[in-house]
Amino acid sequence: MSIDIDAALIYGEHYPKLVEHIDEDELNELLDYGTLDYASPFYDAPRSYWVVGIALPTEISDGEALAKELERARKEFKEHFQDVTGRVICSPHVT
């Protein structure tokens, strides 16, 4: 068994905040089917510690490309969470 340590850049919000706006079973289904991305800050972290949303590339060539990626992620996030304003969160991702 090994642990993989990485980092993730996600446009989204922390799991508990999202559960306030969507049924928890529905949120878990979006995660289980890979519709939403997540970052787990430590090995075997419960979902209540996760950052959930739309993954952004960790390397971007310039500001224009960054703006396009942010807009894409914002739109996709809003499809699932109309009442939540997402934000860009950099998090460790340990699996």
N, C-alpha and C. Protein backbone atom coordinates (compact mmCIF):
# COMPACT_ATOMS: atom_id res chain seq x y z
N MET A 1 0.84 -1.17 0.00
CA MET A 1 0.00 0.00 0.00
C MET A 1 0.90 1.24 0.00
N SER A 2 0.48 2.22 -0.78
CA SER A 2 1.25 3.45 -0.83
C SER A 2 0.32 4.65 -0.72
N ILE A 3 0.91 5.77 -0.41
CA ILE A 3 0.18 7.02 -0.33
C ILE A 3 0.69 7.93 -1.43
N ASP A 4 -0.23 8.52 -2.16
CA ASP A 4 0.11 9.45 -3.22
C ASP A 4 -0.19 10.86 -2.71
N ILE A 5 0.82 11.72 -2.74
CA ILE A 5 0.64 13.10 -2.29
C ILE A 5 0.77 14.02 -3.49
N ASP A 6 -0.25 14.82 -3.70
CA ASP A 6 -0.30 15.73 -4.84
C ASP A 6 -0.96 17.02 -4.37
N ALA A 7 -1.22 17.90 -5.29
CA ALA A 7 -1.95 19.13 -5.00
C ALA A 7 -3.04 19.28 -6.05
N ALA A 8 -4.09 19.99 -5.69
CA ALA A 8 -5.20 20.22 -6.62
C ALA A 8 -5.61 21.68 -6.56
N LEU A 9 -5.98 22.18 -7.70
CA LEU A 9 -6.53 23.52 -7.83
C LEU A 9 -7.97 23.35 -8.28
N ILE A 10 -8.90 23.72 -7.42
CA ILE A 10 -10.32 23.43 -7.67
C ILE A 10 -11.14 24.70 -7.55
N TYR A 11 -12.05 24.88 -8.51
CA TYR A 11 -13.06 25.93 -8.39
C TYR A 11 -14.26 25.26 -7.73
N GLY A 12 -14.52 25.62 -6.47
CA GLY A 12 -15.61 24.97 -5.77
C GLY A 12 -15.73 25.48 -4.36
N GLU A 13 -16.01 24.54 -3.46
CA GLU A 13 -16.23 24.89 -2.06
C GLU A 13 -15.98 23.65 -1.21
N HIS A 14 -15.92 23.84 0.09
CA HIS A 14 -15.73 22.72 1.01
C HIS A 14 -17.03 21.91 1.08
N TYR A 15 -16.87 20.61 1.20
CA TYR A 15 -17.99 19.66 1.19
C TYR A 15 -19.13 20.08 2.13
N PRO A 16 -18.86 20.40 3.40
CA PRO A 16 -19.98 20.75 4.31
C PRO A 16 -20.80 21.95 3.82
N LYS A 17 -20.16 22.90 3.19
CA LYS A 17 -20.88 24.08 2.68
C LYS A 17 -21.81 23.66 1.54
N LEU A 18 -21.38 22.73 0.71
CA LEU A 18 -22.21 22.28 -0.41
C LEU A 18 -23.40 21.47 0.08
N VAL A 19 -23.22 20.70 1.14
CA VAL A 19 -24.31 19.90 1.69
C VAL A 19 -25.45 20.79 2.19
N GLU A 20 -25.15 22.04 2.50
CA GLU A 20 -26.19 22.98 2.90
C GLU A 20 -27.12 23.34 1.74
N HIS A 21 -26.67 23.09 0.49
CA HIS A 21 -27.42 23.53 -0.68
C HIS A 21 -27.88 22.40 -1.60
N ILE A 22 -27.49 21.18 -1.30
CA ILE A 22 -27.86 20.05 -2.14
C ILE A 22 -27.97 18.82 -1.25
N ASP A 23 -28.86 17.90 -1.62
CA ASP A 23 -29.01 16.67 -0.86
C ASP A 23 -27.67 15.93 -0.82
N GLU A 24 -27.28 15.46 0.34
CA GLU A 24 -25.98 14.81 0.51
C GLU A 24 -25.84 13.57 -0.38
N ASP A 25 -26.92 12.81 -0.56
CA ASP A 25 -26.86 11.63 -1.43
C ASP A 25 -26.59 12.04 -2.87
N GLU A 26 -27.20 13.13 -3.30
CA GLU A 26 -26.99 13.63 -4.66
C GLU A 26 -25.54 14.10 -4.84
N LEU A 27 -25.02 14.80 -3.84
CA LEU A 27 -23.64 15.26 -3.89
C LEU A 27 -22.68 14.07 -3.95
N ASN A 28 -22.92 13.06 -3.12
CA ASN A 28 -22.08 11.87 -3.13
C ASN A 28 -22.14 11.14 -4.47
N GLU A 29 -23.31 11.13 -5.08
CA GLU A 29 -23.45 10.50 -6.40
C GLU A 29 -22.61 11.25 -7.45
N LEU A 30 -22.64 12.58 -7.40
CA LEU A 30 -21.83 13.38 -8.34
C LEU A 30 -20.34 13.10 -8.15
N LEU A 31 -19.93 12.88 -6.92
CA LEU A 31 -18.53 12.54 -6.64
C LEU A 31 -18.21 11.12 -7.07
N ASP A 32 -19.10 10.19 -6.75
CA ASP A 32 -18.86 8.77 -7.06
C ASP A 32 -18.76 8.51 -8.56
N TYR A 33 -19.55 9.26 -9.35
CA TYR A 33 -19.53 9.07 -10.80
C TYR A 33 -18.50 9.94 -11.51
N GLY A 34 -17.74 10.73 -10.74
CA GLY A 34 -16.69 11.54 -11.33
C GLY A 34 -17.18 12.81 -11.99
N THR A 35 -18.43 13.18 -11.75
CA THR A 35 -18.96 14.42 -12.32
C THR A 35 -18.29 15.62 -11.68
N LEU A 36 -18.02 15.53 -10.38
CA LEU A 36 -17.30 16.57 -9.65
C LEU A 36 -15.94 16.04 -9.22
N ASP A 37 -14.99 16.93 -9.12
CA ASP A 37 -13.65 16.59 -8.65
C ASP A 37 -13.56 16.92 -7.17
N TYR A 38 -12.51 16.41 -6.54
CA TYR A 38 -12.32 16.68 -5.12
C TYR A 38 -10.84 16.65 -4.79
N ALA A 39 -10.52 17.22 -3.64
CA ALA A 39 -9.17 17.13 -3.08
C ALA A 39 -9.33 16.71 -1.63
N SER A 40 -8.59 15.69 -1.26
CA SER A 40 -8.61 15.17 0.11
C SER A 40 -7.33 15.64 0.80
N PRO A 41 -7.43 16.44 1.85
CA PRO A 41 -6.24 17.05 2.45
C PRO A 41 -5.33 16.09 3.21
N PHE A 42 -5.82 14.90 3.56
CA PHE A 42 -4.97 13.90 4.20
C PHE A 42 -5.52 12.51 3.88
N TYR A 43 -4.68 11.51 4.07
CA TYR A 43 -5.03 10.14 3.72
C TYR A 43 -6.27 9.69 4.48
N ASP A 44 -7.22 9.12 3.76
CA ASP A 44 -8.48 8.63 4.32
C ASP A 44 -9.30 9.72 5.01
N ALA A 45 -9.16 10.94 4.56
CA ALA A 45 -9.95 12.03 5.13
C ALA A 45 -11.43 11.79 4.85
N PRO A 46 -12.29 11.98 5.83
CA PRO A 46 -13.73 11.88 5.56
C PRO A 46 -14.14 13.00 4.59
N ARG A 47 -15.21 12.76 3.88
CA ARG A 47 -15.66 13.74 2.88
C ARG A 47 -15.90 15.11 3.49
N SER A 48 -16.19 15.17 4.74
CA SER A 48 -16.44 16.47 5.38
C SER A 48 -15.20 17.38 5.35
N TYR A 49 -14.04 16.81 5.04
CA TYR A 49 -12.80 17.59 4.93
C TYR A 49 -12.44 17.94 3.48
N TRP A 50 -13.16 17.37 2.54
CA TRP A 50 -12.81 17.53 1.13
C TRP A 50 -13.16 18.92 0.59
N VAL A 51 -12.40 19.31 -0.42
CA VAL A 51 -12.75 20.44 -1.28
C VAL A 51 -13.37 19.82 -2.53
N VAL A 52 -14.53 20.31 -2.92
CA VAL A 52 -15.29 19.71 -4.02
C VAL A 52 -15.60 20.75 -5.07
N GLY A 53 -15.50 20.37 -6.34
CA GLY A 53 -15.84 21.28 -7.42
C GLY A 53 -15.30 20.80 -8.74
N ILE A 54 -14.81 21.74 -9.52
CA ILE A 54 -14.29 21.48 -10.86
C ILE A 54 -12.79 21.73 -10.84
N ALA A 55 -12.03 20.71 -11.21
CA ALA A 55 -10.56 20.83 -11.21
C ALA A 55 -10.10 21.80 -12.29
N LEU A 56 -9.13 22.59 -11.93
CA LEU A 56 -8.46 23.48 -12.87
C LEU A 56 -7.08 22.91 -13.15
N PRO A 57 -6.52 23.21 -14.33
CA PRO A 57 -5.16 22.74 -14.60
C PRO A 57 -4.19 23.33 -13.58
N THR A 58 -3.21 22.56 -13.19
CA THR A 58 -2.22 23.06 -12.22
C THR A 58 -1.11 23.84 -12.91
N GLU A 59 -1.06 23.78 -14.23
CA GLU A 59 -0.13 24.61 -15.00
C GLU A 59 -0.89 25.27 -16.13
N ILE A 60 -0.79 26.60 -16.22
CA ILE A 60 -1.50 27.36 -17.24
C ILE A 60 -0.51 28.33 -17.87
N SER A 61 -0.58 28.46 -19.18
CA SER A 61 0.43 29.22 -19.91
C SER A 61 0.39 30.72 -19.68
N ASP A 62 -0.81 31.30 -19.55
CA ASP A 62 -0.89 32.75 -19.40
C ASP A 62 -2.24 33.15 -18.81
N GLY A 63 -2.41 34.44 -18.61
CA GLY A 63 -3.63 34.96 -18.00
C GLY A 63 -4.88 34.70 -18.82
N GLU A 64 -4.76 34.75 -20.14
CA GLU A 64 -5.92 34.51 -20.99
C GLU A 64 -6.40 33.07 -20.85
N ALA A 65 -5.47 32.14 -20.85
CA ALA A 65 -5.82 30.73 -20.67
C ALA A 65 -6.43 30.49 -19.29
N LEU A 66 -5.89 31.16 -18.28
CA LEU A 66 -6.42 31.05 -16.93
C LEU A 66 -7.86 31.56 -16.88
N ALA A 67 -8.11 32.70 -17.50
CA ALA A 67 -9.46 33.27 -17.51
C ALA A 67 -10.45 32.32 -18.17
N LYS A 68 -10.05 31.69 -19.26
CA LYS A 68 -10.93 30.74 -19.96
C LYS A 68 -11.24 29.53 -19.08
N GLU A 69 -10.21 29.02 -18.41
CA GLU A 69 -10.40 27.86 -17.53
C GLU A 69 -11.29 28.20 -16.34
N LEU A 70 -11.09 29.37 -15.77
CA LEU A 70 -11.93 29.79 -14.64
C LEU A 70 -13.39 29.94 -15.07
N GLU A 71 -13.62 30.51 -16.22
CA GLU A 71 -14.99 30.68 -16.71
C GLU A 71 -15.64 29.32 -16.99
N ARG A 72 -14.90 28.41 -17.59
CA ARG A 72 -15.41 27.07 -17.84
C ARG A 72 -15.80 26.39 -16.53
N ALA A 73 -14.91 26.45 -15.55
CA ALA A 73 -15.16 25.80 -14.27
C ALA A 73 -16.34 26.47 -13.54
N ARG A 74 -16.41 27.79 -13.61
CA ARG A 74 -17.50 28.51 -12.96
C ARG A 74 -18.85 28.09 -13.53
N LYS A 75 -18.95 28.02 -14.84
CA LYS A 75 -20.20 27.63 -15.50
C LYS A 75 -20.59 26.20 -15.12
N GLU A 76 -19.63 25.30 -15.16
CA GLU A 76 -19.90 23.91 -14.83
C GLU A 76 -20.33 23.77 -13.37
N PHE A 77 -19.67 24.49 -12.48
CA PHE A 77 -20.02 24.45 -11.06
C PHE A 77 -21.45 24.97 -10.85
N LYS A 78 -21.79 26.06 -11.52
CA LYS A 78 -23.13 26.66 -11.40
C LYS A 78 -24.23 25.73 -11.90
N GLU A 79 -23.91 24.82 -12.82
CA GLU A 79 -24.91 23.86 -13.28
C GLU A 79 -25.40 22.98 -12.13
N HIS A 80 -24.55 22.75 -11.16
CA HIS A 80 -24.89 21.89 -10.03
C HIS A 80 -25.28 22.67 -8.78
N PHE A 81 -24.73 23.87 -8.62
CA PHE A 81 -24.94 24.65 -7.38
C PHE A 81 -25.28 26.09 -7.73
N GLN A 82 -26.53 26.35 -8.07
CA GLN A 82 -26.95 27.68 -8.47
C GLN A 82 -26.82 28.69 -7.33
N ASP A 83 -27.01 28.25 -6.09
CA ASP A 83 -27.02 29.16 -4.95
C ASP A 83 -25.68 29.31 -4.25
N VAL A 84 -24.64 28.69 -4.79
CA VAL A 84 -23.33 28.73 -4.14
C VAL A 84 -22.34 29.47 -5.04
N THR A 85 -21.64 30.42 -4.46
CA THR A 85 -20.57 31.09 -5.18
C THR A 85 -19.29 30.31 -4.91
N GLY A 86 -18.74 29.74 -5.95
CA GLY A 86 -17.51 28.98 -5.80
C GLY A 86 -16.32 29.91 -5.65
N ARG A 87 -15.20 29.32 -5.34
CA ARG A 87 -13.95 30.07 -5.25
C ARG A 87 -12.81 29.15 -5.64
N VAL A 88 -11.69 29.70 -5.97
CA VAL A 88 -10.51 28.90 -6.33
C VAL A 88 -9.80 28.51 -5.05
N ILE A 89 -9.64 27.20 -4.87
CA ILE A 89 -9.01 26.69 -3.66
C ILE A 89 -7.87 25.76 -4.07
N CYS A 90 -6.69 26.01 -3.53
CA CYS A 90 -5.55 25.13 -3.72
C CYS A 90 -5.48 24.25 -2.47
N SER A 91 -5.42 22.93 -2.69
CA SER A 91 -5.46 22.01 -1.56
C SER A 91 -4.51 20.85 -1.81
N PRO A 92 -3.95 20.29 -0.74
CA PRO A 92 -3.26 19.02 -0.90
C PRO A 92 -4.29 17.98 -1.34
N HIS A 93 -3.84 16.98 -2.08
CA HIS A 93 -4.71 15.87 -2.47
C HIS A 93 -3.95 14.59 -2.17
N VAL A 94 -4.34 13.93 -1.10
CA VAL A 94 -3.63 12.75 -0.63
C VAL A 94 -4.54 11.55 -0.77
N THR A 95 -4.07 10.56 -1.52
CA THR A 95 -4.86 9.34 -1.73
C THR A 95 -4.03 8.11 -1.42
